[in-house]
Each structure stands twice: as C-alpha cells, then as structure tokens.
C-alpha cells in the first residue's frame, strides 16, 4: 500500500491519510463491504456505486474513511484522530485475510454457479467487536425494520459527528455524506434507559448492550484469536444476553469468521434450504435442515450462505408479511 501524510507544510487544510490497496485476488468491493451498512438510513455508513463512506470508532479516536474501487485496486482516504488505524484496516475490510483454503464449491451445482458468478465476494473483517455486537443485540427478536430503526436513532443521537472531509478536490468533498460515528463504550453506557425504550429497544436488550460496553476491552481482545471460531463464540456467549445467533452475527463482521452462519434466522434458513434442496420448510425445521445441508462445507459455512444470498434467490413466501408494532418517535 502507498500512504500519504496528514498535515503538511503550507496553507490550506490538512491532507487526509491515503492508501491504495492492490488485492492479489478478485475483489467485488460492493458485495464484500455490504454487511458494514445497517440499512439505507445508517448514519455511520453510506454505500455508493464504486465504494463507501464509513464513520468509525477506533482505538485512536473517531475516523472518517472513504473507499473507492479503481482500475488498480481500492483507493482509501481517512480523516480524524483514528485515520491511521482506519487506513491500516483497509486490507482486512477488503477481505485480504480471508482464506479460501479447503472451500470446494463444486460439491453442489447451485453453489458452484454462485461462486462462478461472484468470484470477488470476500469476507470482510472490521476489527471492531463492540460495534458489531451492539448492532447484533439490537436485531434480537425483532423485525429487520425495527432493528435498523433502533440503530439509526441511537447512533444518530448519541454518536458524534464524523471528522470533516478536507484536503481533497472540492467536488469530491462536497459529495461526502454527513456521517455520525457510533458511540464508544463509554457512550453506550451513558445512553439513558428511556432513550433505548424510545428507540424500541426492550429492557433485556439495552441491558445487554450496556453490559457489553462495560467489558469492551475484553471483547476486543477476542480479535487476537484470529478469524473467530468456536472459542471466540464461547467467550462472547459468557456475557448475559449473548447467544449463539448474536455471537455468530458479531464474528461474521468483526472477525471475518467464514464458519459462523446465523442459525435462528428464518429468512436465511429458508433461502438456504430452498437453494440447496428445493425444500420449503417451516422456520424451526428449516433451521435444523440448514445445519445439515451446510455440513459438507464445515469451515466455510458462512461463506456458503453469503454466496447463496448474493444470488438474490429467496424461498417462495407463504402467507402475508406482518407489520411491526409502532413505537413512539423521539
């Protein structure tokens, strides 16, 4: 990677830190980083056609990170106290440490075709455990719409404005979205209970969020074990309110775990069963059946799920979609 420098002599605004990451493998940047955005209204992440704008909480402070796909790789610029950390995270965000060894897509024709269509889909690794865990907790036992609303309201109100985008061409800077950096561990601990309630977060879930924030350093130390795995999941599940499903969602993005499918997600289970076996099953049965169907790819089961979901093929719907219950606004 080639790095620029923040600051510098002479008049004008400081330059951002910059790098160009040249992957040694095919890279579909859009599909690789898609899990980093929590819905179209995410105040901390905006995906654009050829890249993304991200607001990050880093060990060095807040950062704004811009990623753009170019002909020779991924161009990255970062601003703020956490810029150096953000720049160093770019290869992992782009799947550089994702290891496909032992993955055999030819075991099933549908998966083989998905792997052929999306050779650049890599598994991202954010190295930010608390952010991933909080968003997963907010998704527990609610609809996706409710979970995204809770994240949007809480981050928007209790996060901090992302570092300003300066020192680049005016047209590019003008197109930068206004982002909000998610709360730090101290920030999550300071959110009042009424604010969680107003965002539709039940007491059990907000207590789980606050409890996780109280042991944030311990959570981040799980990154030392590599790309997740059973021991990392076990450590996360020692926290009250964290089960197998929440641990899986956390390690998928924070650690880049290729073998942590989210058992317990009705839509994913039914989609996998439909694509791999053409079986249309009720939710609980589908979850057990998905576990059976994914066994041949142990070590890469989340990779299989990601590839199948990338095709956009879902199980046929049964019945009518239920509307989520209303919550009071701020």
C-alpha atoms as a PDB file:
ATOM      1  CA  UNK A   1       0.000   0.000   0.000  1.00  0.00           C
ATOM      2  CA  UNK A   2       1.110   3.555  -0.664  1.00  0.00           C
ATOM      3  CA  UNK A   3       0.446   6.025   2.140  1.00  0.00           C
ATOM      4  CA  UNK A   4       0.067   9.785   2.028  1.00  0.00           C
ATOM      5  CA  UNK A   5       0.511  12.048   5.033  1.00  0.00           C
ATOM      6  CA  UNK A   6      -1.944  14.017   7.118  1.00  0.00           C
ATOM      7  CA  UNK A   7      -0.965  17.633   7.740  1.00  0.00           C
ATOM      8  CA  UNK A   8       1.997  19.025   5.887  1.00  0.00           C
ATOM      9  CA  UNK A   9       3.502  22.440   5.359  1.00  0.00           C
ATOM     10  CA  UNK A  10       1.951  25.388   3.591  1.00  0.00           C
ATOM     11  CA  UNK A  11      -1.504  26.965   3.580  1.00  0.00           C
ATOM     12  CA  UNK A  12      -4.750  25.130   3.140  1.00  0.00           C
ATOM     13  CA  UNK A  13      -6.475  22.313   5.016  1.00  0.00           C
ATOM     14  CA  UNK A  14      -4.515  19.244   6.146  1.00  0.00           C
ATOM     15  CA  UNK A  15      -4.352  16.364   3.757  1.00  0.00           C
ATOM     16  CA  UNK A  16      -6.004  13.063   4.695  1.00  0.00           C
ATOM     17  CA  UNK A  17      -4.063   9.880   5.126  1.00  0.00           C
ATOM     18  CA  UNK A  18      -4.320   7.916   1.909  1.00  0.00           C
ATOM     19  CA  UNK A  19      -3.502   4.500   0.544  1.00  0.00           C
ATOM     20  CA  UNK A  20      -4.176   2.329  -2.475  1.00  0.00           C
ATOM     21  CA  UNK A  21      -4.811  -1.304  -1.677  1.00  0.00           C
ATOM     22  CA  UNK A  22      -3.995  -3.617  -4.588  1.00  0.00           C
ATOM     23  CA  UNK A  23      -5.611  -7.011  -3.898  1.00  0.00           C
ATOM     24  CA  UNK A  24      -3.921 -10.177  -5.091  1.00  0.00           C
ATOM     25  CA  UNK A  25      -7.314 -11.767  -5.676  1.00  0.00           C
ATOM     26  CA  UNK A  26     -10.552 -10.826  -7.465  1.00  0.00           C
ATOM     27  CA  UNK A  27     -12.452  -8.293  -5.366  1.00  0.00           C
ATOM     28  CA  UNK A  28     -16.095  -7.296  -5.561  1.00  0.00           C
ATOM     29  CA  UNK A  29     -15.836  -4.349  -3.184  1.00  0.00           C
ATOM     30  CA  UNK A  30     -19.563  -3.627  -3.067  1.00  0.00           C
ATOM     31  CA  UNK A  31     -20.589  -7.154  -2.073  1.00  0.00           C
ATOM     32  CA  UNK A  32     -17.648  -7.581   0.282  1.00  0.00           C
ATOM     33  CA  UNK A  33     -18.387  -4.499   2.381  1.00  0.00           C
ATOM     34  CA  UNK A  34     -22.185  -4.652   2.172  1.00  0.00           C
ATOM     35  CA  UNK A  35     -22.508  -6.087   5.718  1.00  0.00           C
ATOM     36  CA  UNK A  36     -20.963  -2.868   7.064  1.00  0.00           C
ATOM     37  CA  UNK A  37     -24.152  -0.897   6.391  1.00  0.00           C
ATOM     38  CA  UNK A  38     -27.184  -1.237   8.645  1.00  0.00           C
ATOM     39  CA  UNK A  39     -29.906  -0.260   6.215  1.00  0.00           C
ATOM     40  CA  UNK A  40     -30.193   2.640   3.796  1.00  0.00           C
ATOM     41  CA  UNK A  41     -30.540   5.152   6.637  1.00  0.00           C
ATOM     42  CA  UNK A  42     -27.422   4.090   8.550  1.00  0.00           C
ATOM     43  CA  UNK A  43     -25.850   7.304   9.916  1.00  0.00           C
ATOM     44  CA  UNK A  44     -22.431   5.609  10.115  1.00  0.00           C
ATOM     45  CA  UNK A  45     -22.174   4.041   6.652  1.00  0.00           C
ATOM     46  CA  UNK A  46     -23.165   5.068   3.143  1.00  0.00           C
ATOM     47  CA  UNK A  47     -22.508   2.714   0.239  1.00  0.00           C
ATOM     48  CA  UNK A  48     -22.068   4.267  -3.185  1.00  0.00           C
ATOM     49  CA  UNK A  49     -21.762   2.662  -6.592  1.00  0.00           C
ATOM     50  CA  UNK A  50     -17.984   2.230  -6.500  1.00  0.00           C
ATOM     51  CA  UNK A  51     -17.209   2.314  -2.784  1.00  0.00           C
ATOM     52  CA  UNK A  52     -18.312   3.584   0.602  1.00  0.00           C
ATOM     53  CA  UNK A  53     -18.127   6.333   3.202  1.00  0.00           C
ATOM     54  CA  UNK A  54     -17.694   4.995   6.738  1.00  0.00           C
ATOM     55  CA  UNK A  55     -17.628   6.603  10.187  1.00  0.00           C
ATOM     56  CA  UNK A  56     -15.522   4.501  12.540  1.00  0.00           C
ATOM     57  CA  UNK A  57     -14.895   4.243  16.257  1.00  0.00           C
ATOM     58  CA  UNK A  58     -11.226   3.244  16.528  1.00  0.00           C
ATOM     59  CA  UNK A  59      -8.779   2.740  19.427  1.00  0.00           C
ATOM     60  CA  UNK A  60      -7.173   6.052  18.404  1.00  0.00           C
ATOM     61  CA  UNK A  61     -10.396   8.047  18.181  1.00  0.00           C
ATOM     62  CA  UNK A  62     -13.069   8.732  15.555  1.00  0.00           C
ATOM     63  CA  UNK A  63     -12.335   8.472  11.847  1.00  0.00           C
ATOM     64  CA  UNK A  64     -13.999   9.043   8.507  1.00  0.00           C
ATOM     65  CA  UNK A  65     -12.965   6.518   5.856  1.00  0.00           C
ATOM     66  CA  UNK A  66     -13.698   6.765   2.129  1.00  0.00           C
ATOM     67  CA  UNK A  67     -13.226   3.706  -0.089  1.00  0.00           C
ATOM     68  CA  UNK A  68     -13.401   3.746  -3.880  1.00  0.00           C
ATOM     69  CA  UNK A  69     -12.800   0.965  -6.409  1.00  0.00           C
ATOM     70  CA  UNK A  70     -10.279   1.975  -9.052  1.00  0.00           C
ATOM     71  CA  UNK A  71      -8.685   0.218 -12.013  1.00  0.00           C
ATOM     72  CA  UNK A  72      -5.639  -0.698  -9.919  1.00  0.00           C
ATOM     73  CA  UNK A  73      -7.284  -1.543  -6.596  1.00  0.00           C
ATOM     74  CA  UNK A  74      -9.078   0.292  -3.808  1.00  0.00           C
ATOM     75  CA  UNK A  75      -8.316   3.928  -3.099  1.00  0.00           C
ATOM     76  CA  UNK A  76      -8.753   4.889   0.560  1.00  0.00           C
ATOM     77  CA  UNK A  77      -8.690   8.246   2.343  1.00  0.00           C
ATOM     78  CA  UNK A  78      -9.115   8.771   6.076  1.00  0.00           C
ATOM     79  CA  UNK A  79      -9.610  11.777   8.344  1.00  0.00           C
ATOM     80  CA  UNK A  80      -9.585  12.357  12.081  1.00  0.00           C
ATOM     81  CA  UNK A  81      -7.669  11.084  15.117  1.00  0.00           C
ATOM     82  CA  UNK A  82      -8.337   7.481  14.075  1.00  0.00           C
ATOM     83  CA  UNK A  83      -7.186   7.962  10.467  1.00  0.00           C
ATOM     84  CA  UNK A  84      -4.014   5.900  10.846  1.00  0.00           C
ATOM     85  CA  UNK A  85      -5.934   2.973  12.335  1.00  0.00           C
ATOM     86  CA  UNK A  86      -8.620   3.268   9.655  1.00  0.00           C
ATOM     87  CA  UNK A  87      -6.059   3.170   6.847  1.00  0.00           C
ATOM     88  CA  UNK A  88      -4.376   0.129   8.392  1.00  0.00           C
ATOM     89  CA  UNK A  89      -7.761  -1.650   8.457  1.00  0.00           C
ATOM     90  CA  UNK A  90      -8.393  -1.315   4.713  1.00  0.00           C
ATOM     91  CA  UNK A  91      -6.907  -4.676   3.625  1.00  0.00           C
ATOM     92  CA  UNK A  92      -8.990  -6.546   6.210  1.00  0.00           C
ATOM     93  CA  UNK A  93     -12.121  -4.625   5.212  1.00  0.00           C
ATOM     94  CA  UNK A  94     -11.467  -5.762   1.640  1.00  0.00           C
ATOM     95  CA  UNK A  95     -11.016  -9.409   2.632  1.00  0.00           C
ATOM     96  CA  UNK A  96      -7.221  -9.633   2.393  1.00  0.00           C
ATOM     97  CA  UNK A  97      -7.016 -12.077   5.307  1.00  0.00           C
ATOM     98  CA  UNK A  98      -9.950 -14.165   4.079  1.00  0.00           C
ATOM     99  CA  UNK A  99      -8.602 -17.677   3.409  1.00  0.00           C
ATOM    100  CA  UNK A 100     -10.462 -19.899   0.927  1.00  0.00           C
ATOM    101  CA  UNK A 101      -8.289 -22.957   1.566  1.00  0.00           C
ATOM    102  CA  UNK A 102     -10.449 -26.067   1.848  1.00  0.00           C
ATOM    103  CA  UNK A 103     -13.504 -24.465   0.260  1.00  0.00           C
ATOM    104  CA  UNK A 104     -14.984 -26.621  -2.512  1.00  0.00           C
ATOM    105  CA  UNK A 105     -17.900 -25.016  -4.321  1.00  0.00           C
ATOM    106  CA  UNK A 106     -18.163 -27.911  -6.791  1.00  0.00           C
ATOM    107  CA  UNK A 107     -19.986 -30.054  -4.223  1.00  0.00           C
ATOM    108  CA  UNK A 108     -23.288 -28.518  -5.317  1.00  0.00           C
ATOM    109  CA  UNK A 109     -24.229 -27.079  -8.730  1.00  0.00           C
ATOM    110  CA  UNK A 110     -26.110 -24.085  -7.307  1.00  0.00           C
ATOM    111  CA  UNK A 111     -23.189 -23.120  -5.084  1.00  0.00           C
ATOM    112  CA  UNK A 112     -20.731 -23.755  -7.896  1.00  0.00           C
ATOM    113  CA  UNK A 113     -22.629 -21.338 -10.117  1.00  0.00           C
ATOM    114  CA  UNK A 114     -22.802 -18.733  -7.336  1.00  0.00           C
ATOM    115  CA  UNK A 115     -19.038 -18.962  -6.805  1.00  0.00           C
ATOM    116  CA  UNK A 116     -18.520 -18.598 -10.547  1.00  0.00           C
ATOM    117  CA  UNK A 117     -20.751 -15.524 -10.707  1.00  0.00           C
ATOM    118  CA  UNK A 118     -19.247 -13.823  -7.651  1.00  0.00           C
ATOM    119  CA  UNK A 119     -15.527 -14.691  -7.535  1.00  0.00           C
ATOM    120  CA  UNK A 120     -14.740 -11.369  -5.887  1.00  0.00           C
ATOM    121  CA  UNK A 121     -17.019 -11.792  -2.883  1.00  0.00           C
ATOM    122  CA  UNK A 122     -14.692 -11.871   0.127  1.00  0.00           C
ATOM    123  CA  UNK A 123     -15.489 -11.905   3.847  1.00  0.00           C
ATOM    124  CA  UNK A 124     -14.787  -8.551   5.442  1.00  0.00           C
ATOM    125  CA  UNK A 125     -13.179  -8.132   8.877  1.00  0.00           C
ATOM    126  CA  UNK A 126     -13.763  -4.839  10.697  1.00  0.00           C
ATOM    127  CA  UNK A 127     -11.712  -5.478  13.869  1.00  0.00           C
ATOM    128  CA  UNK A 128     -14.425  -3.605  15.825  1.00  0.00           C
ATOM    129  CA  UNK A 129     -16.168  -6.073  18.111  1.00  0.00           C
ATOM    130  CA  UNK A 130     -18.360  -3.765  20.197  1.00  0.00           C
ATOM    131  CA  UNK A 131     -19.919  -2.100  17.143  1.00  0.00           C
ATOM    132  CA  UNK A 132     -20.767  -5.487  15.627  1.00  0.00           C
ATOM    133  CA  UNK A 133     -22.108  -6.896  18.874  1.00  0.00           C
ATOM    134  CA  UNK A 134     -24.325  -3.898  19.634  1.00  0.00           C
ATOM    135  CA  UNK A 135     -25.932  -3.996  16.197  1.00  0.00           C
ATOM    136  CA  UNK A 136     -26.499  -7.749  16.593  1.00  0.00           C
ATOM    137  CA  UNK A 137     -28.141  -7.299  20.001  1.00  0.00           C
ATOM    138  CA  UNK A 138     -30.477  -4.668  18.563  1.00  0.00           C
ATOM    139  CA  UNK A 139     -31.594  -7.260  15.987  1.00  0.00           C
ATOM    140  CA  UNK A 140     -32.608  -9.843  18.591  1.00  0.00           C
ATOM    141  CA  UNK A 141     -36.254 -10.951  18.436  1.00  0.00           C
ATOM    142  CA  UNK A 142     -37.485  -8.067  16.274  1.00  0.00           C
ATOM    143  CA  UNK A 143     -38.059  -7.416  12.602  1.00  0.00           C
ATOM    144  CA  UNK A 144     -35.261  -6.053  10.464  1.00  0.00           C
ATOM    145  CA  UNK A 145     -37.147  -2.762  10.124  1.00  0.00           C
ATOM    146  CA  UNK A 146     -37.312  -2.359  13.905  1.00  0.00           C
ATOM    147  CA  UNK A 147     -33.642  -3.234  14.374  1.00  0.00           C
ATOM    148  CA  UNK A 148     -32.447  -0.787  11.727  1.00  0.00           C
ATOM    149  CA  UNK A 149     -34.630   1.939  13.211  1.00  0.00           C
ATOM    150  CA  UNK A 150     -33.148   1.381  16.653  1.00  0.00           C
ATOM    151  CA  UNK A 151     -29.578   1.570  15.342  1.00  0.00           C
ATOM    152  CA  UNK A 152     -30.353   4.671  13.282  1.00  0.00           C
ATOM    153  CA  UNK A 153     -31.956   6.565  16.161  1.00  0.00           C
ATOM    154  CA  UNK A 154     -29.418   5.658  18.829  1.00  0.00           C
ATOM    155  CA  UNK A 155     -26.309   6.226  16.709  1.00  0.00           C
ATOM    156  CA  UNK A 156     -27.778   9.413  15.270  1.00  0.00           C
ATOM    157  CA  UNK A 157     -28.482  10.852  18.709  1.00  0.00           C
ATOM    158  CA  UNK A 158     -25.659   9.506  20.871  1.00  0.00           C
ATOM    159  CA  UNK A 159     -22.847   9.164  18.360  1.00  0.00           C
ATOM    160  CA  UNK A 160     -20.514  12.026  17.432  1.00  0.00           C
ATOM    161  CA  UNK A 161     -20.150  13.899  14.125  1.00  0.00           C
ATOM    162  CA  UNK A 162     -17.622  12.179  11.884  1.00  0.00           C
ATOM    163  CA  UNK A 163     -14.332  14.024  11.234  1.00  0.00           C
ATOM    164  CA  UNK A 164     -14.655  16.567   8.434  1.00  0.00           C
ATOM    165  CA  UNK A 165     -13.643  15.649   4.901  1.00  0.00           C
ATOM    166  CA  UNK A 166     -10.995  18.205   3.884  1.00  0.00           C
ATOM    167  CA  UNK A 167      -7.873  18.427   1.768  1.00  0.00           C
ATOM    168  CA  UNK A 168      -9.329  16.762  -1.331  1.00  0.00           C
ATOM    169  CA  UNK A 169     -10.904  18.175  -4.528  1.00  0.00           C
ATOM    170  CA  UNK A 170     -13.909  20.351  -3.758  1.00  0.00           C
ATOM    171  CA  UNK A 171     -16.321  18.312  -5.866  1.00  0.00           C
ATOM    172  CA  UNK A 172     -15.394  15.102  -4.042  1.00  0.00           C
ATOM    173  CA  UNK A 173     -15.590  16.734  -0.619  1.00  0.00           C
ATOM    174  CA  UNK A 174     -18.970  18.243  -1.465  1.00  0.00           C
ATOM    175  CA  UNK A 175     -20.345  14.787  -2.281  1.00  0.00           C
ATOM    176  CA  UNK A 176     -19.287  13.372   1.086  1.00  0.00           C
ATOM    177  CA  UNK A 177     -22.322  12.459   3.204  1.00  0.00           C
ATOM    178  CA  UNK A 178     -22.776  13.709   6.746  1.00  0.00           C
ATOM    179  CA  UNK A 179     -21.866  10.749   8.913  1.00  0.00           C
ATOM    180  CA  UNK A 180     -22.081  10.004  12.615  1.00  0.00           C
ATOM    181  CA  UNK A 181     -19.504   7.901  14.444  1.00  0.00           C
ATOM    182  CA  UNK A 182     -21.159   5.190  16.586  1.00  0.00           C
ATOM    183  CA  UNK A 183     -20.879   5.677  20.345  1.00  0.00           C
ATOM    184  CA  UNK A 184     -17.779   4.473  22.142  1.00  0.00           C
ATOM    185  CA  UNK A 185     -18.120   2.020  25.020  1.00  0.00           C
ATOM    186  CA  UNK A 186     -18.483   4.983  27.381  1.00  0.00           C
ATOM    187  CA  UNK A 187     -21.049   6.485  25.044  1.00  0.00           C
ATOM    188  CA  UNK A 188     -23.225   3.362  25.073  1.00  0.00           C
ATOM    189  CA  UNK A 189     -23.019   3.197  28.866  1.00  0.00           C
ATOM    190  CA  UNK A 190     -24.247   6.790  29.041  1.00  0.00           C
ATOM    191  CA  UNK A 191     -27.387   6.249  26.929  1.00  0.00           C
ATOM    192  CA  UNK A 192     -30.371   6.635  29.306  1.00  0.00           C
ATOM    193  CA  UNK A 193     -32.876   3.809  29.576  1.00  0.00           C
ATOM    194  CA  UNK A 194     -35.708   5.995  28.277  1.00  0.00           C
ATOM    195  CA  UNK A 195     -33.762   6.612  25.058  1.00  0.00           C
ATOM    196  CA  UNK A 196     -33.412   2.883  24.453  1.00  0.00           C
ATOM    197  CA  UNK A 197     -37.127   2.487  25.099  1.00  0.00           C
ATOM    198  CA  UNK A 198     -37.986   5.324  22.706  1.00  0.00           C
ATOM    199  CA  UNK A 199     -35.913   3.566  20.032  1.00  0.00           C
ATOM    200  CA  UNK A 200     -37.936   0.391  20.530  1.00  0.00           C
ATOM    201  CA  UNK A 201     -35.233  -1.458  22.468  1.00  0.00           C
ATOM    202  CA  UNK A 202     -36.549  -3.704  25.241  1.00  0.00           C
ATOM    203  CA  UNK A 203     -35.005  -3.628  28.708  1.00  0.00           C
ATOM    204  CA  UNK A 204     -33.355  -7.013  28.259  1.00  0.00           C
ATOM    205  CA  UNK A 205     -31.612  -5.866  25.081  1.00  0.00           C
ATOM    206  CA  UNK A 206     -30.461  -2.470  26.369  1.00  0.00           C
ATOM    207  CA  UNK A 207     -29.087  -4.091  29.496  1.00  0.00           C
ATOM    208  CA  UNK A 208     -27.160  -6.473  27.232  1.00  0.00           C
ATOM    209  CA  UNK A 209     -25.749  -3.533  25.261  1.00  0.00           C
ATOM    210  CA  UNK A 210     -24.679  -1.699  28.412  1.00  0.00           C
ATOM    211  CA  UNK A 211     -23.226  -4.882  29.894  1.00  0.00           C
ATOM    212  CA  UNK A 212     -21.163  -5.474  26.760  1.00  0.00           C
ATOM    213  CA  UNK A 213     -19.929  -1.883  26.804  1.00  0.00           C
ATOM    214  CA  UNK A 214     -18.731  -2.369  30.382  1.00  0.00           C
ATOM    215  CA  UNK A 215     -16.358  -5.144  29.254  1.00  0.00           C
ATOM    216  CA  UNK A 216     -15.453  -3.693  25.850  1.00  0.00           C
ATOM    217  CA  UNK A 217     -11.669  -4.225  26.220  1.00  0.00           C
ATOM    218  CA  UNK A 218     -12.291  -7.916  26.845  1.00  0.00           C
ATOM    219  CA  UNK A 219     -14.435  -8.118  23.725  1.00  0.00           C
ATOM    220  CA  UNK A 220     -11.772  -6.519  21.553  1.00  0.00           C
ATOM    221  CA  UNK A 221      -9.150  -8.970  22.852  1.00  0.00           C
ATOM    222  CA  UNK A 222     -11.040 -11.805  21.137  1.00  0.00           C
ATOM    223  CA  UNK A 223      -9.612 -10.470  17.870  1.00  0.00           C
ATOM    224  CA  UNK A 224      -6.236 -11.888  18.869  1.00  0.00           C
ATOM    225  CA  UNK A 225      -7.555 -15.408  18.235  1.00  0.00           C
ATOM    226  CA  UNK A 226      -7.874 -14.715  14.506  1.00  0.00           C
ATOM    227  CA  UNK A 227     -10.989 -15.059  12.376  1.00  0.00           C
ATOM    228  CA  UNK A 228     -13.428 -16.188  15.034  1.00  0.00           C
ATOM    229  CA  UNK A 229     -14.113 -19.861  15.691  1.00  0.00           C
ATOM    230  CA  UNK A 230     -15.792 -21.887  18.469  1.00  0.00           C
ATOM    231  CA  UNK A 231     -13.638 -20.454  21.272  1.00  0.00           C
ATOM    232  CA  UNK A 232     -14.377 -16.871  20.253  1.00  0.00           C
ATOM    233  CA  UNK A 233     -18.084 -17.672  20.122  1.00  0.00           C
ATOM    234  CA  UNK A 234     -17.873 -19.272  23.567  1.00  0.00           C
ATOM    235  CA  UNK A 235     -16.168 -16.216  25.045  1.00  0.00           C
ATOM    236  CA  UNK A 236     -18.813 -13.886  23.632  1.00  0.00           C
ATOM    237  CA  UNK A 237     -21.570 -16.121  24.966  1.00  0.00           C
ATOM    238  CA  UNK A 238     -20.283 -15.777  28.524  1.00  0.00           C
ATOM    239  CA  UNK A 239     -21.921 -12.336  28.505  1.00  0.00           C
ATOM    240  CA  UNK A 240     -25.540 -12.238  29.715  1.00  0.00           C
ATOM    241  CA  UNK A 241     -27.931 -11.904  26.783  1.00  0.00           C
ATOM    242  CA  UNK A 242     -25.497 -13.189  24.137  1.00  0.00           C
ATOM    243  CA  UNK A 243     -26.449 -16.476  22.495  1.00  0.00           C
ATOM    244  CA  UNK A 244     -25.264 -18.472  19.509  1.00  0.00           C
ATOM    245  CA  UNK A 245     -27.094 -16.298  16.971  1.00  0.00           C
ATOM    246  CA  UNK A 246     -25.787 -12.983  18.330  1.00  0.00           C
ATOM    247  CA  UNK A 247     -22.248 -14.334  18.630  1.00  0.00           C
ATOM    248  CA  UNK A 248     -22.405 -15.515  15.015  1.00  0.00           C
ATOM    249  CA  UNK A 249     -23.523 -12.124  13.701  1.00  0.00           C
ATOM    250  CA  UNK A 250     -20.735 -10.488  15.688  1.00  0.00           C
ATOM    251  CA  UNK A 251     -17.917 -12.732  14.496  1.00  0.00           C
ATOM    252  CA  UNK A 252     -19.112 -12.628  10.890  1.00  0.00           C
ATOM    253  CA  UNK A 253     -18.171  -8.967  10.547  1.00  0.00           C
ATOM    254  CA  UNK A 254     -15.819  -8.120  13.418  1.00  0.00           C
ATOM    255  CA  UNK A 255     -13.626 -11.205  12.993  1.00  0.00           C
ATOM    256  CA  UNK A 256     -14.421 -12.203   9.417  1.00  0.00           C
ATOM    257  CA  UNK A 257     -15.403 -15.710  10.530  1.00  0.00           C
ATOM    258  CA  UNK A 258     -16.061 -17.895   7.450  1.00  0.00           C
ATOM    259  CA  UNK A 259     -17.809 -20.589   9.503  1.00  0.00           C
ATOM    260  CA  UNK A 260     -20.402 -18.736  11.607  1.00  0.00           C
ATOM    261  CA  UNK A 261     -23.792 -18.917   9.877  1.00  0.00           C
ATOM    262  CA  UNK A 262     -26.614 -17.248  11.768  1.00  0.00           C
ATOM    263  CA  UNK A 263     -28.728 -20.197  12.839  1.00  0.00           C
ATOM    264  CA  UNK A 264     -32.061 -18.891  14.038  1.00  0.00           C
ATOM    265  CA  UNK A 265     -32.702 -16.508  11.145  1.00  0.00           C
ATOM    266  CA  UNK A 266     -35.876 -17.666   9.429  1.00  0.00           C
ATOM    267  CA  UNK A 267     -35.259 -15.925   6.112  1.00  0.00           C
ATOM    268  CA  UNK A 268     -31.683 -17.172   5.733  1.00  0.00           C
ATOM    269  CA  UNK A 269     -32.575 -20.737   6.700  1.00  0.00           C
ATOM    270  CA  UNK A 270     -35.471 -20.935   4.262  1.00  0.00           C
ATOM    271  CA  UNK A 271     -33.372 -19.436   1.451  1.00  0.00           C
ATOM    272  CA  UNK A 272     -30.545 -21.929   2.014  1.00  0.00           C
ATOM    273  CA  UNK A 273     -32.925 -24.897   2.173  1.00  0.00           C
ATOM    274  CA  UNK A 274     -34.637 -23.760  -0.987  1.00  0.00           C
ATOM    275  CA  UNK A 275     -31.453 -23.257  -2.972  1.00  0.00           C
ATOM    276  CA  UNK A 276     -29.591 -26.368  -1.841  1.00  0.00           C
ATOM    277  CA  UNK A 277     -32.503 -28.823  -1.582  1.00  0.00           C
ATOM    278  CA  UNK A 278     -35.565 -27.121  -3.113  1.00  0.00           C
ATOM    279  CA  UNK A 279     -37.329 -27.672   0.193  1.00  0.00           C
ATOM    280  CA  UNK A 280     -39.884 -25.183   1.520  1.00  0.00           C
ATOM    281  CA  UNK A 281     -39.936 -25.708   5.281  1.00  0.00           C
ATOM    282  CA  UNK A 282     -41.391 -24.025   8.376  1.00  0.00           C
ATOM    283  CA  UNK A 283     -38.895 -21.869  10.302  1.00  0.00           C
ATOM    284  CA  UNK A 284     -37.759 -24.252  13.062  1.00  0.00           C
ATOM    285  CA  UNK A 285     -37.469 -27.201  10.725  1.00  0.00           C
ATOM    286  CA  UNK A 286     -35.650 -25.059   8.157  1.00  0.00           C
ATOM    287  CA  UNK A 287     -33.027 -24.060  10.718  1.00  0.00           C
ATOM    288  CA  UNK A 288     -32.204 -27.678  11.572  1.00  0.00           C
ATOM    289  CA  UNK A 289     -32.237 -28.653   7.920  1.00  0.00           C
ATOM    290  CA  UNK A 290     -29.898 -25.778   7.029  1.00  0.00           C
ATOM    291  CA  UNK A 291     -27.394 -27.077   9.578  1.00  0.00           C
ATOM    292  CA  UNK A 292     -27.499 -30.492   7.892  1.00  0.00           C
ATOM    293  CA  UNK A 293     -27.156 -29.060   4.395  1.00  0.00           C
ATOM    294  CA  UNK A 294     -24.139 -26.929   5.338  1.00  0.00           C
ATOM    295  CA  UNK A 295     -22.191 -29.774   6.982  1.00  0.00           C
ATOM    296  CA  UNK A 296     -20.154 -30.643   3.838  1.00  0.00           C
ATOM    297  CA  UNK A 297     -18.636 -27.140   3.959  1.00  0.00           C
ATOM    298  CA  UNK A 298     -17.645 -27.094   7.634  1.00  0.00           C
ATOM    299  CA  UNK A 299     -15.046 -24.383   8.000  1.00  0.00           C
ATOM    300  CA  UNK A 300     -16.724 -22.265   5.313  1.00  0.00           C
ATOM    301  CA  UNK A 301     -20.429 -22.437   6.152  1.00  0.00           C
ATOM    302  CA  UNK A 302     -20.895 -18.670   6.398  1.00  0.00           C
ATOM    303  CA  UNK A 303     -19.120 -18.293   3.057  1.00  0.00           C
ATOM    304  CA  UNK A 304     -21.654 -20.677   1.520  1.00  0.00           C
ATOM    305  CA  UNK A 305     -24.532 -18.653   2.970  1.00  0.00           C
ATOM    306  CA  UNK A 306     -23.093 -15.370   1.688  1.00  0.00           C
ATOM    307  CA  UNK A 307     -22.661 -16.754  -1.824  1.00  0.00           C
ATOM    308  CA  UNK A 308     -26.182 -18.164  -1.907  1.00  0.00           C
ATOM    309  CA  UNK A 309     -27.687 -14.908  -0.632  1.00  0.00           C
ATOM    310  CA  UNK A 310     -25.710 -12.968  -3.244  1.00  0.00           C
ATOM    311  CA  UNK A 311     -27.771 -14.666  -5.960  1.00  0.00           C
ATOM    312  CA  UNK A 312     -30.894 -12.936  -4.666  1.00  0.00           C
ATOM    313  CA  UNK A 313     -32.878 -16.183  -4.806  1.00  0.00           C
ATOM    314  CA  UNK A 314     -35.197 -16.496  -1.805  1.00  0.00           C
ATOM    315  CA  UNK A 315     -37.650 -19.182  -0.792  1.00  0.00           C
ATOM    316  CA  UNK A 316     -41.198 -18.586  -2.052  1.00  0.00           C
ATOM    317  CA  UNK A 317     -43.258 -16.710   0.529  1.00  0.00           C
ATOM    318  CA  UNK A 318     -46.104 -18.203   2.467  1.00  0.00           C
ATOM    319  CA  UNK A 319     -48.921 -16.029   3.765  1.00  0.00           C
ATOM    320  CA  UNK A 320     -48.797 -12.300   4.366  1.00  0.00           C
ATOM    321  CA  UNK A 321     -45.996 -10.216   5.838  1.00  0.00           C
ATOM    322  CA  UNK A 322     -46.757  -8.923   9.345  1.00  0.00           C
ATOM    323  CA  UNK A 323     -46.242  -5.240  10.040  1.00  0.00           C
ATOM    324  CA  UNK A 324     -44.016  -4.390  13.020  1.00  0.00           C
ATOM    325  CA  UNK A 325     -45.721  -2.791  16.033  1.00  0.00           C
ATOM    326  CA  UNK A 326     -45.424   1.011  16.190  1.00  0.00           C
ATOM    327  CA  UNK A 327     -43.097   2.810  18.608  1.00  0.00           C
ATOM    328  CA  UNK A 328     -43.141   6.384  19.785  1.00  0.00           C
ATOM    329  CA  UNK A 329     -40.845   8.740  17.957  1.00  0.00           C
ATOM    330  CA  UNK A 330     -38.163  10.787  19.657  1.00  0.00           C
END
